Protein backbone atom coordinates (compact mmCIF):
# COMPACT_ATOMS: atom_id res chain seq x y z
CA MET A 1 80.83 27.78 -1.62
CA GLU A 2 77.90 27.64 0.76
CA ASN A 3 76.07 30.68 1.89
CA PRO A 4 75.65 30.60 5.68
CA ASN A 5 72.40 32.48 5.46
CA SER A 6 70.74 29.81 3.36
CA SER A 7 69.88 26.16 3.52
CA SER A 8 72.87 23.83 3.17
CA GLY A 9 70.80 21.16 1.40
CA LEU A 10 69.63 23.59 -1.30
CA TYR A 11 73.10 25.00 -2.03
CA ARG A 12 74.70 21.57 -2.11
CA THR A 13 72.30 20.49 -4.87
CA GLN A 14 72.92 23.68 -6.85
CA SER A 15 76.71 23.41 -6.52
CA GLU A 16 76.78 19.83 -7.75
CA GLN A 17 74.64 20.69 -10.75
CA LEU A 18 76.67 23.76 -11.75
CA THR A 19 79.92 21.82 -11.41
CA LYS A 20 78.73 19.10 -13.72
CA ILE A 21 77.43 21.62 -16.22
CA SER A 22 80.86 23.36 -16.31
CA GLU A 23 82.58 20.05 -16.88
CA GLY A 24 80.19 19.32 -19.75
CA ASP A 25 81.18 22.61 -21.50
CA ALA A 26 84.91 21.81 -21.28
CA MET A 27 84.70 18.32 -22.75
CA THR A 28 85.29 17.58 -26.42
CA SER A 29 82.89 15.95 -28.78
CA GLY A 30 84.93 12.71 -28.63
CA VAL A 31 83.89 12.13 -25.04
CA PHE A 32 80.44 13.65 -25.47
CA SER A 33 78.72 10.38 -24.64
CA ASP A 34 80.57 10.22 -21.31
CA VAL A 35 79.39 13.72 -20.53
CA THR A 36 75.83 12.68 -21.25
CA LYS A 37 76.06 9.74 -18.84
CA GLU A 38 77.63 11.92 -16.17
CA VAL A 39 74.96 14.57 -16.48
CA GLU A 40 72.27 11.88 -16.35
CA SER A 41 73.74 10.49 -13.12
CA PHE A 42 74.05 13.82 -11.31
CA THR A 43 71.31 16.00 -12.75
CA LEU A 44 67.86 15.88 -11.16
CA SER A 45 64.68 16.05 -13.11
CA ARG A 46 62.20 18.78 -12.27
CA LYS A 47 60.09 16.43 -10.19
CA SER A 48 62.97 14.81 -8.26
CA SER A 49 64.66 18.19 -7.73
CA ARG A 50 61.49 19.56 -6.18
CA ASN A 51 61.18 16.52 -3.91
CA GLN A 52 64.75 16.97 -2.70
CA VAL A 53 64.24 20.66 -1.99
CA LEU A 54 61.06 19.91 -0.05
CA ALA A 55 62.88 17.30 2.03
CA SER A 56 65.94 19.45 2.75
CA PRO A 57 66.47 20.99 6.23
CA GLY A 58 66.30 24.46 4.76
CA ARG A 59 62.85 23.84 3.36
CA ILE A 60 61.59 22.63 6.72
CA GLY A 61 63.17 25.18 8.99
CA ASN A 62 63.46 28.31 6.83
CA SER A 63 60.55 28.21 4.44
CA GLY A 64 60.22 31.97 4.59
CA ARG A 65 63.80 32.53 3.38
CA ASN A 66 63.73 30.06 0.51
CA THR A 67 60.53 31.33 -1.10
CA TYR A 68 62.35 33.23 -3.84
CA LEU A 69 65.12 30.65 -4.15
CA LYS A 70 62.65 27.88 -4.87
CA LYS A 71 61.02 29.92 -7.62
CA GLY A 72 64.36 30.64 -9.31
CA LYS A 73 65.54 27.08 -8.97
CA SER A 74 62.41 25.48 -10.35
CA ALA A 75 62.33 27.94 -13.27
CA GLN A 76 66.04 27.95 -14.13
CA MET A 77 67.18 24.41 -13.18
CA LYS A 78 64.73 22.65 -15.50
CA PHE A 79 66.58 19.83 -17.18
CA ASP A 80 65.03 17.11 -19.29
CA PHE A 81 66.89 13.95 -20.08
CA ASP A 82 65.74 14.18 -23.71
CA ASP A 83 67.61 17.47 -24.24
CA VAL A 84 70.89 16.53 -22.57
CA ALA A 85 72.26 14.93 -25.75
CA SER A 86 72.34 18.24 -27.59
CA GLY A 87 74.97 20.92 -27.16
CA ALA A 88 72.29 23.58 -27.23
CA ALA A 89 70.78 22.12 -24.06
CA LEU A 90 74.13 22.32 -22.27
CA SER A 91 74.60 25.88 -23.47
CA ARG A 92 71.19 26.88 -22.15
CA ALA A 93 71.96 25.14 -18.88
CA SER A 94 75.27 27.01 -18.56
CA SER A 95 73.56 30.33 -19.23
CA ALA A 96 70.89 29.48 -16.70
CA GLY A 97 73.50 28.58 -14.09
CA LEU A 98 75.42 31.81 -14.76
CA GLY A 99 72.25 33.86 -14.46
CA PHE A 100 71.34 32.03 -11.28
CA SER A 101 74.73 32.83 -9.74
CA PHE A 102 74.25 36.53 -10.56
CA SER A 103 70.82 36.43 -8.99
CA LEU A 104 72.33 34.92 -5.85
CA ALA A 105 74.98 37.61 -5.70
CA GLY A 106 72.40 40.37 -5.88
CA PHE A 107 69.77 38.71 -3.73
CA THR A 108 69.37 39.93 -0.15
CA MET A 109 67.77 37.62 2.38
CA PRO A 110 64.92 38.98 4.49
CA SER A 111 65.87 40.05 7.97
CA ASP A 112 65.25 37.68 10.84
CA GLU A 113 63.72 40.48 12.90
CA LEU A 114 60.48 41.07 11.09
CA GLY A 115 57.92 43.59 12.23
CA ASP A 116 55.17 42.61 14.61
CA SER A 117 52.51 41.20 12.33
CA ARG A 118 50.05 40.41 15.10
CA PRO A 119 46.64 42.02 14.75
CA PHE A 120 45.37 44.54 17.23
CA SER A 121 43.05 41.87 18.60
CA ASP A 122 43.22 38.13 18.58
CA ASP A 123 39.66 38.00 17.33
CA ASP A 124 41.15 37.75 13.82
CA ILE A 125 43.10 34.60 14.70
CA PRO A 126 41.41 31.41 15.89
CA GLU A 127 42.52 30.75 19.44
CA ASP A 128 44.68 27.70 20.04
CA ILE A 129 42.42 25.42 22.02
CA GLU A 130 45.18 23.86 24.10
CA ALA A 131 47.69 26.72 24.26
CA GLY A 132 48.44 27.63 27.84
CA MET A 133 45.30 26.05 29.25
CA ARG A 134 46.63 22.78 30.64
CA LYS A 135 49.73 24.28 32.21
CA LYS A 136 50.34 23.56 35.85
CA PHE A 137 50.43 26.50 38.17
CA HIS A 138 53.57 26.94 40.22
CA THR A 139 52.79 29.09 43.22
CA GLU A 140 53.81 29.45 46.82
CA PRO A 141 52.29 26.98 49.32
CA THR A 142 48.55 27.50 49.62
CA LEU A 143 46.71 27.09 52.91
CA PRO A 144 44.00 24.46 52.27
CA ILE A 145 40.57 25.72 53.33
CA HIS A 146 37.56 23.45 53.82
CA LEU A 147 34.40 25.50 53.35
CA LYS A 148 31.23 24.36 55.12
CA PHE A 149 27.85 26.09 55.31
CA THR A 150 24.78 24.97 57.22
CA GLU A 151 21.20 26.30 57.09
CA VAL A 152 22.25 29.49 55.32
CA THR A 153 19.38 31.95 54.96
CA TYR A 154 19.10 35.49 53.68
CA LYS A 155 16.25 37.97 53.54
CA VAL A 156 15.68 41.45 52.23
CA ILE A 157 13.55 43.91 54.17
CA THR A 158 11.61 46.44 52.10
CA LYS A 159 10.04 49.34 53.92
CA GLY A 160 6.87 50.83 52.54
CA VAL A 161 4.89 53.87 53.58
CA THR A 162 2.71 52.03 56.06
CA SER A 163 4.24 48.56 56.33
CA THR A 164 7.43 46.55 56.12
CA HIS A 165 7.82 43.43 54.01
CA GLU A 166 10.38 40.66 54.20
CA LYS A 167 11.45 38.75 51.11
CA HIS A 168 13.39 35.55 51.73
CA ILE A 169 16.11 34.97 49.13
CA LEU A 170 17.68 31.78 50.55
CA HIS A 171 16.01 29.04 52.59
CA GLY A 172 18.34 26.80 54.62
CA ILE A 173 21.16 25.99 52.16
CA ASN A 174 23.64 23.29 53.20
CA GLY A 175 26.85 22.17 51.57
CA MET A 176 30.61 21.80 51.73
CA VAL A 177 33.60 21.92 49.38
CA ASN A 178 37.17 20.78 49.94
CA PRO A 179 40.52 21.95 48.54
CA GLY A 180 41.16 20.71 45.02
CA GLU A 181 37.46 20.67 44.11
CA VAL A 182 35.34 22.85 41.83
CA LEU A 183 31.83 23.48 43.15
CA ALA A 184 29.19 24.74 40.72
CA LEU A 185 26.14 26.70 41.89
CA MET A 186 23.47 26.18 39.26
CA GLY A 187 19.88 27.31 38.96
CA PRO A 188 17.54 29.50 36.94
CA SER A 189 17.69 33.29 37.05
CA GLY A 190 16.57 34.65 40.42
CA SER A 191 17.24 31.42 42.30
CA GLY A 192 19.79 33.03 44.65
CA LYS A 193 23.09 31.84 43.14
CA THR A 194 24.89 35.19 43.30
CA THR A 195 23.53 35.91 46.79
CA LEU A 196 24.84 32.58 48.10
CA LEU A 197 28.20 33.16 46.40
CA SER A 198 28.50 36.61 48.01
CA LEU A 199 27.66 35.18 51.44
CA LEU A 200 30.25 32.41 51.12
CA GLY A 201 32.87 34.91 49.93
CA GLY A 202 32.32 37.21 52.91
CA ARG A 203 31.12 40.11 50.76
CA VAL A 204 27.76 40.31 52.54
CA THR A 205 27.85 40.53 56.33
CA ASP A 206 24.72 41.97 57.87
CA ALA A 207 21.95 41.02 60.24
CA ASN A 208 19.73 39.74 57.44
CA GLN A 209 21.75 36.55 56.98
CA GLY A 210 21.45 33.42 59.07
CA GLY A 211 23.03 30.03 59.44
CA SER A 212 26.67 29.03 59.80
CA ILE A 213 29.56 29.49 57.36
CA THR A 214 32.94 28.16 58.50
CA TYR A 215 36.41 28.07 56.97
CA ASN A 216 38.42 25.19 58.45
CA ASP A 217 35.78 25.12 61.21
CA GLN A 218 36.43 28.80 61.98
CA PRO A 219 34.13 31.77 61.29
CA TYR A 220 35.00 34.49 58.81
CA SER A 221 37.77 36.80 60.00
CA LYS A 222 40.02 39.56 58.72
CA PHE A 223 42.78 36.99 58.20
CA LEU A 224 40.68 35.28 55.52
CA LYS A 225 40.28 38.46 53.50
CA SER A 226 43.76 38.05 52.04
CA ARG A 227 43.04 34.40 51.28
CA ILE A 228 39.94 35.00 49.16
CA GLY A 229 39.73 36.00 45.50
CA PHE A 230 36.42 37.11 43.99
CA VAL A 231 35.81 37.47 40.23
CA THR A 232 32.65 39.42 39.46
CA GLN A 233 30.35 38.70 36.54
CA ASP A 234 31.25 41.94 34.76
CA ASP A 235 34.90 42.39 33.82
CA ILE A 236 35.83 45.65 35.56
CA LEU A 237 39.03 46.55 33.69
CA PHE A 238 40.57 49.69 32.24
CA PRO A 239 40.05 49.58 28.46
CA HIS A 240 43.18 51.53 27.49
CA LEU A 241 45.61 49.43 29.52
CA THR A 242 47.26 46.39 28.01
CA VAL A 243 46.96 42.92 29.47
CA LYS A 244 50.48 43.10 30.87
CA GLU A 245 49.93 46.52 32.42
CA THR A 246 46.65 45.47 34.02
CA ILE A 247 48.08 42.43 35.79
CA THR A 248 51.33 44.23 36.67
CA TYR A 249 49.52 47.12 38.37
CA ALA A 250 47.40 44.60 40.30
CA ALA A 251 50.59 42.90 41.46
CA LEU A 252 52.20 46.20 42.52
CA LEU A 253 49.14 47.16 44.57
CA ARG A 254 48.07 43.84 46.09
CA LEU A 255 51.23 41.82 46.68
CA PRO A 256 53.05 42.12 50.03
CA LYS A 257 55.27 45.14 50.50
CA THR A 258 58.09 42.80 51.55
CA LEU A 259 58.56 41.95 47.87
CA THR A 260 60.58 44.20 45.60
CA LYS A 261 59.15 45.79 42.48
CA GLN A 262 61.09 43.38 40.27
CA GLU A 263 59.76 40.37 42.18
CA LYS A 264 56.19 41.62 41.80
CA GLU A 265 56.68 42.16 38.07
CA ASN A 266 58.13 38.66 37.75
CA GLN A 267 55.08 37.18 39.46
CA ALA A 268 52.83 39.11 37.08
CA ALA A 269 54.78 37.70 34.12
CA ASP A 270 54.37 34.19 35.55
CA ILE A 271 50.60 34.64 35.80
CA ILE A 272 50.45 35.86 32.19
CA ARG A 273 52.37 32.80 31.04
CA GLU A 274 50.29 30.36 33.11
CA LEU A 275 47.04 31.86 31.81
CA GLY A 276 48.21 31.57 28.20
CA LEU A 277 48.10 35.33 27.59
CA GLU A 278 51.61 35.81 26.15
CA ARG A 279 50.34 36.38 22.62
CA CYS A 280 48.06 39.27 23.62
CA GLN A 281 49.97 40.71 26.58
CA ASP A 282 50.72 43.93 24.66
CA THR A 283 47.15 44.35 23.40
CA MET A 284 44.71 46.77 25.01
CA ILE A 285 41.83 45.37 27.04
CA GLY A 286 39.30 47.34 24.99
CA ASN A 287 35.58 47.93 25.39
CA SER A 288 32.57 48.62 23.19
CA PHE A 289 34.34 51.65 21.66
CA VAL A 290 37.97 50.49 21.72
CA ARG A 291 38.97 47.29 19.98
CA GLY A 292 40.89 44.96 22.25
CA VAL A 293 41.23 41.37 23.38
CA SER A 294 38.54 38.73 23.01
CA GLY A 295 35.93 37.94 25.64
CA GLY A 296 37.68 34.80 26.81
CA GLU A 297 41.00 36.59 27.20
CA ARG A 298 39.32 39.44 29.05
CA LYS A 299 37.82 36.93 31.49
CA ARG A 300 41.24 35.32 31.99
CA VAL A 301 42.68 38.74 32.80
CA SER A 302 40.00 39.20 35.47
CA ILE A 303 40.91 35.80 36.90
CA GLY A 304 44.60 36.73 36.79
CA ASN A 305 43.94 39.86 38.86
CA GLU A 306 42.62 37.61 41.65
CA ILE A 307 44.98 34.64 41.53
CA ILE A 308 47.96 37.02 41.60
CA ILE A 309 47.61 36.98 45.42
CA ASN A 310 47.57 33.15 45.47
CA PRO A 311 44.18 32.83 47.21
CA SER A 312 43.06 29.71 49.02
CA LEU A 313 39.44 30.35 48.04
CA LEU A 314 38.44 31.55 44.58
CA PHE A 315 34.86 32.65 43.87
CA LEU A 316 33.60 33.38 40.35
CA ASP A 317 30.22 34.78 39.37
CA GLU A 318 29.15 33.28 36.01
CA PRO A 319 32.60 33.28 34.36
CA THR A 320 31.23 31.74 31.14
CA SER A 321 28.43 34.25 30.47
CA GLY A 322 28.57 35.67 26.95
CA LEU A 323 31.24 33.21 25.77
CA ASP A 324 30.97 30.53 23.12
CA SER A 325 31.06 26.88 24.16
CA THR A 326 34.72 26.36 23.26
CA THR A 327 35.94 29.44 25.13
CA ALA A 328 33.73 28.55 28.10
CA LEU A 329 35.29 25.09 28.18
CA ARG A 330 38.76 26.65 28.30
CA ILE A 331 37.73 28.80 31.27
CA ILE A 332 36.41 25.78 33.19
CA GLU A 333 39.57 23.80 32.39
CA LEU A 334 41.53 26.76 33.73
CA LEU A 335 39.54 26.57 36.98
CA GLN A 336 40.36 22.87 37.18
CA ASP A 337 44.06 23.65 36.88
CA ILE A 338 43.76 26.24 39.63
CA ALA A 339 41.93 23.80 41.90
CA GLU A 340 44.62 21.15 41.35
CA THR A 341 47.11 23.39 43.16
CA GLY A 342 45.15 22.93 46.41
CA LYS A 343 42.74 25.82 46.05
CA THR A 344 38.98 25.70 46.65
CA VAL A 345 36.99 26.99 43.66
CA ILE A 346 33.30 27.94 43.79
CA THR A 347 31.55 29.30 40.72
CA THR A 348 28.02 30.09 39.61
CA ILE A 349 26.94 28.96 36.19
CA HIS A 350 23.69 29.53 34.36
CA GLN A 351 23.31 27.01 31.54
CA PRO A 352 26.49 25.03 30.81
CA SER A 353 26.96 22.68 27.91
CA SER A 354 27.15 18.94 28.44
CA ARG A 355 30.97 18.98 28.33
CA LEU A 356 31.15 21.76 30.90
CA PHE A 357 28.72 20.02 33.24
CA HIS A 358 30.93 16.94 33.53
CA LYS A 359 33.97 19.08 34.42
CA PHE A 360 32.60 20.02 37.86
CA ASP A 361 33.36 17.98 40.96
CA LYS A 362 30.34 19.00 43.01
CA LEU A 363 27.01 20.62 42.22
CA ILE A 364 24.43 22.65 44.11
CA LEU A 365 21.08 23.04 42.36
CA LEU A 366 18.92 25.91 43.58
CA GLY A 367 15.30 26.68 42.84
CA LYS A 368 13.48 29.71 44.26
CA GLY A 369 16.14 30.01 46.95
CA SER A 370 15.80 26.40 48.13
CA LEU A 371 18.25 23.52 47.87
CA LEU A 372 17.17 20.89 45.33
CA TYR A 373 20.39 18.88 45.09
CA PHE A 374 23.86 18.77 46.57
CA GLY A 375 26.46 16.16 45.75
CA LYS A 376 28.76 14.99 43.00
CA ALA A 377 27.88 16.43 39.61
CA SER A 378 28.32 13.01 38.00
CA GLU A 379 25.63 11.52 40.28
CA ALA A 380 22.95 14.18 39.78
CA MET A 381 21.10 12.32 37.02
CA THR A 382 21.13 9.10 39.05
CA TYR A 383 19.65 10.89 42.06
CA PHE A 384 16.75 12.46 40.17
CA SER A 385 16.04 9.15 38.45
CA SER A 386 15.79 7.55 41.89
CA ILE A 387 13.01 9.97 42.88
CA GLY A 388 11.08 9.37 39.68
CA CYS A 389 12.28 12.27 37.48
CA SER A 390 13.97 10.97 34.34
CA PRO A 391 14.27 12.55 30.89
CA LEU A 392 12.10 10.90 28.25
CA ILE A 393 14.46 12.00 25.47
CA SER A 394 18.21 12.48 25.25
CA MET A 395 19.10 15.93 26.52
CA ASN A 396 21.86 17.93 28.14
CA PRO A 397 22.00 17.12 31.89
CA ALA A 398 22.24 20.82 32.73
CA GLU A 399 19.16 21.59 30.63
CA PHE A 400 17.26 18.76 32.34
CA LEU A 401 18.17 20.04 35.82
CA LEU A 402 17.19 23.61 34.97
CA ASP A 403 13.81 22.39 33.71
CA LEU A 404 13.25 20.65 37.03
CA ALA A 405 14.33 23.74 38.98
CA ASN A 406 11.74 25.75 37.03
CA GLY A 407 9.07 23.12 37.71
CA ASN A 408 8.85 22.17 34.05
CA LEU A 409 8.07 18.47 33.51
CA ASN A 410 7.88 18.54 29.71
CA ASP A 411 9.75 15.53 28.31
CA VAL A 412 10.28 14.38 31.90
CA SER A 413 8.66 11.41 33.59
CA VAL A 414 6.20 12.32 36.34
CA PRO A 415 6.87 10.70 39.74
CA HIS A 416 4.18 8.41 41.08
CA GLU A 417 3.70 10.64 44.12
CA LEU A 418 2.72 13.52 41.84
CA GLU A 419 0.53 11.47 39.52
CA ASP A 420 -2.02 11.06 42.29
CA LYS A 421 -2.40 14.84 42.47
CA VAL A 422 -3.11 15.24 38.77
CA ASP A 423 -6.78 15.85 38.14
CA LEU A 424 -7.63 16.71 34.56
CA GLY A 425 -10.90 18.28 35.63
CA ASN A 426 -9.26 20.58 38.15
CA SER A 427 -7.79 23.82 36.86
CA GLY A 428 -6.44 24.91 40.25
CA ARG A 429 -2.85 25.31 41.40
CA GLU A 430 -2.14 21.58 41.46
CA THR A 431 -2.37 21.00 37.71
CA ARG A 432 -1.37 22.71 34.50
CA ASN A 433 -2.13 21.09 31.15
CA GLY A 434 -2.67 17.75 32.83
CA LYS A 435 0.64 17.89 34.73
CA PRO A 436 1.58 19.11 38.20
CA SER A 437 2.09 22.86 38.42
CA PRO A 438 5.61 24.28 38.95
CA ALA A 439 4.76 25.08 42.58
CA ILE A 440 3.85 21.45 43.31
CA VAL A 441 6.97 20.18 41.52
CA HIS A 442 9.13 22.58 43.52
CA GLU A 443 7.65 21.43 46.82
CA TYR A 444 8.18 17.79 45.87
CA LEU A 445 11.84 18.34 44.95
CA VAL A 446 12.55 20.25 48.16
CA GLU A 447 10.98 17.51 50.28
CA ALA A 448 12.93 14.84 48.43
CA CYS A 449 16.18 16.74 48.95
CA VAL A 450 15.53 17.08 52.68
CA ALA A 451 14.70 13.39 52.98
CA ASN A 452 17.50 11.95 50.84
CA VAL A 453 20.38 14.43 50.72
CA SER A 454 20.28 16.59 53.84
CA LYS A 455 20.53 13.75 56.38
CA GLU A 456 23.67 12.28 54.86
CA MET A 457 25.18 15.71 54.30
CA LYS A 458 24.61 16.86 57.88
CA LYS A 459 26.66 13.90 59.09
CA LYS A 460 29.58 15.02 56.92
CA LEU A 461 29.24 18.61 58.11
CA THR A 462 29.71 17.53 61.73
CA VAL A 463 33.10 15.95 60.98
CA ARG A 464 35.96 18.32 61.69
CA SER A 465 38.25 19.20 58.81
CA SER A 466 41.66 17.55 58.84
CA ILE A 467 44.60 19.47 57.38
CA ASP A 468 48.04 18.05 56.88
CA GLN A 469 50.19 19.78 59.48
CA GLU A 470 53.21 19.97 57.16
CA ILE A 471 51.19 21.77 54.48
CA LYS A 472 49.56 24.02 57.08
CA SER A 473 52.89 25.01 58.64
CA SER A 474 54.54 25.65 55.25
CA ALA A 475 51.61 27.82 54.12
CA GLN A 476 51.44 29.79 57.35
CA SER A 477 55.22 30.29 57.38
CA VAL A 478 54.87 32.53 54.33
CA LYS A 479 54.48 35.94 55.87
CA ARG A 480 51.84 38.05 54.18
CA ASP A 481 52.46 41.68 54.95
CA TRP A 482 49.76 43.05 52.70
CA GLY A 483 49.49 46.38 51.00
CA THR A 484 51.91 49.20 50.37
CA SER A 485 52.35 52.61 51.93
CA TRP A 486 49.91 55.33 50.93
CA THR A 487 52.67 57.21 49.11
CA LYS A 488 53.45 54.20 46.91
CA GLN A 489 49.76 53.58 46.35
CA TYR A 490 49.30 57.19 45.28
CA SER A 491 52.30 56.99 42.96
CA ILE A 492 51.13 53.73 41.34
CA LEU A 493 47.55 54.92 40.94
CA PHE A 494 48.71 58.28 39.55
CA ARG A 495 50.89 56.60 36.91
CA ARG A 496 48.11 54.19 36.05
CA GLY A 497 45.61 57.03 35.75
CA ILE A 498 47.90 59.02 33.44
CA LYS A 499 48.51 55.99 31.23
CA GLU A 500 44.79 55.22 31.10
CA ARG A 501 43.53 58.77 30.47
CA LYS A 502 46.22 59.91 28.07
CA HIS A 503 44.25 58.38 25.20
CA ASP A 504 41.40 60.78 25.97
CA TYR A 505 43.26 63.92 27.01
CA PHE A 506 46.25 63.68 24.67
CA SER A 507 44.60 62.49 21.48
CA TRP A 508 45.38 64.39 18.26
CA LEU A 509 41.76 65.43 17.88
CA ARG A 510 41.62 66.99 21.33
CA ILE A 511 44.99 68.72 20.89
CA THR A 512 43.89 70.10 17.51
CA GLN A 513 40.67 71.43 19.03
CA ILE A 514 42.50 73.17 21.86
CA VAL A 515 45.13 74.72 19.57
CA ALA A 516 42.50 75.87 17.06
CA THR A 517 40.36 77.40 19.81
CA ALA A 518 43.38 79.21 21.24
CA ILE A 519 44.30 80.64 17.83
CA ILE A 520 40.75 81.83 17.13
CA LEU A 521 40.38 83.49 20.53
CA GLY A 522 43.81 85.06 20.17
CA LEU A 523 42.91 86.54 16.79
CA LEU A 524 39.63 87.92 18.15
CA TRP A 525 41.38 89.77 20.96
CA TRP A 526 44.54 90.65 19.08
CA ARG A 527 45.44 94.36 19.28
CA SER A 528 42.25 95.10 21.17
CA ASN A 529 41.97 98.62 22.59
CA VAL A 530 39.99 98.11 25.78
CA HIS A 531 40.11 100.76 28.49
CA SER A 532 36.77 100.31 30.27
CA PRO A 533 34.19 97.60 30.95
CA LYS A 534 31.93 99.23 28.38
CA ASP A 535 34.58 98.85 25.66
CA LEU A 536 35.02 95.22 26.71
CA GLN A 537 31.28 94.57 26.35
CA ASN A 538 31.22 96.25 22.95
CA GLN A 539 34.09 94.09 21.70
CA VAL A 540 32.46 90.94 23.01
């Protein structure tokens, strides 16, 4: 009789063996040779029995359940062909089968609903490289936005006691990016990457900026605010909220009030699934004092808080900072998936690996606030080779470009135009260790960019953006009635604040301190006989 809770293949083998053993006990010595042949034909050796168990469906699908069964079977069902001819062997086999049946009767299978064995953080488990990262995003129609910027400048005015100084951060930056593309802003520290990103994202609007920034050939407006998502470099998240709670609260606050609460929660669940965060959705975000999710998962949560509104433009400030190369690659692949849905993605990046560099569609290289290159990322090395700057050794393209942006020509061929300026006897600004100084290299690269890149790019910037009318009408037909009433906002923020702060205000340590203090103060003033302020002072 088969046990429904166990593997059918395992019990079929056991039943056949026990049946043959019982028949062997009932036979007389006159037909003993027939019994021997029958046992030999139906009884498995230890090795063949193990192979059959390993190949059975129960072994493949329910390995956790059959752990104890395999041990009992391999220990008790050990038959050797050399011992079958003796009656003692059959007797031992019968006893073993009887004991095995008793063990089955008293054996209780583990429950299917096991406890949650996941660790508090997924740092203890190596992340699945492909899990959830190459999923396609299914969102509402997105309005395609072509971003163009021409001669963008920015300056900072510092006022002293007696004078005022102007510091120029950006000097005439040009570029464009279309829907479905990922644009990388790359350059050394202090080159103006974050400033340019903030200007393009509409986060800086003051009189100190210049140039033209258009979105589908239109200037920045209040309508675009709901179409833009901005992920800052630092992950600003509540450490005591879980991943699911963080994205759900963002959905309740930022999605249109025309949607019901259930619809908003469903959209939050979809974002968690598309970002590959199902495994850690019930884990706290954490910080330096509270253990939580990993750095890559924390960055994906920050991205999820922005893509929950289905933006047409997504800006990210150094999303790979502080992450290892594998996790950084997953983040960039995630940005590619987002861009494939018709969104425009612009990100700053400091020093990507070679694999990351080839993931970008377009590249802007900045140096001291000036444009050194704009175009396809795959053609950057070809361009710099055409102006005489080629690596002398094999190196990461991103590392090579950053060396050029810093004016460092070590392991880089010197252009012929700069060789004429090298004077080994001159220790002025034009040379350094027999090579052009960084200032001269910077000037040369800026002039080459203006001569070779800017002319062709300005022609493209004058062409008006063409948007498919069907896509535009379908995207604009989705009514975006943003925000909720102030009462709902207060209610959501109050519940979120209580859930976040309860770990501080309602911890056992704090409760114990308060109760102990109350008991001590109560005992000090218990049965006090105070009738005047003087008596009160004396008791104190």
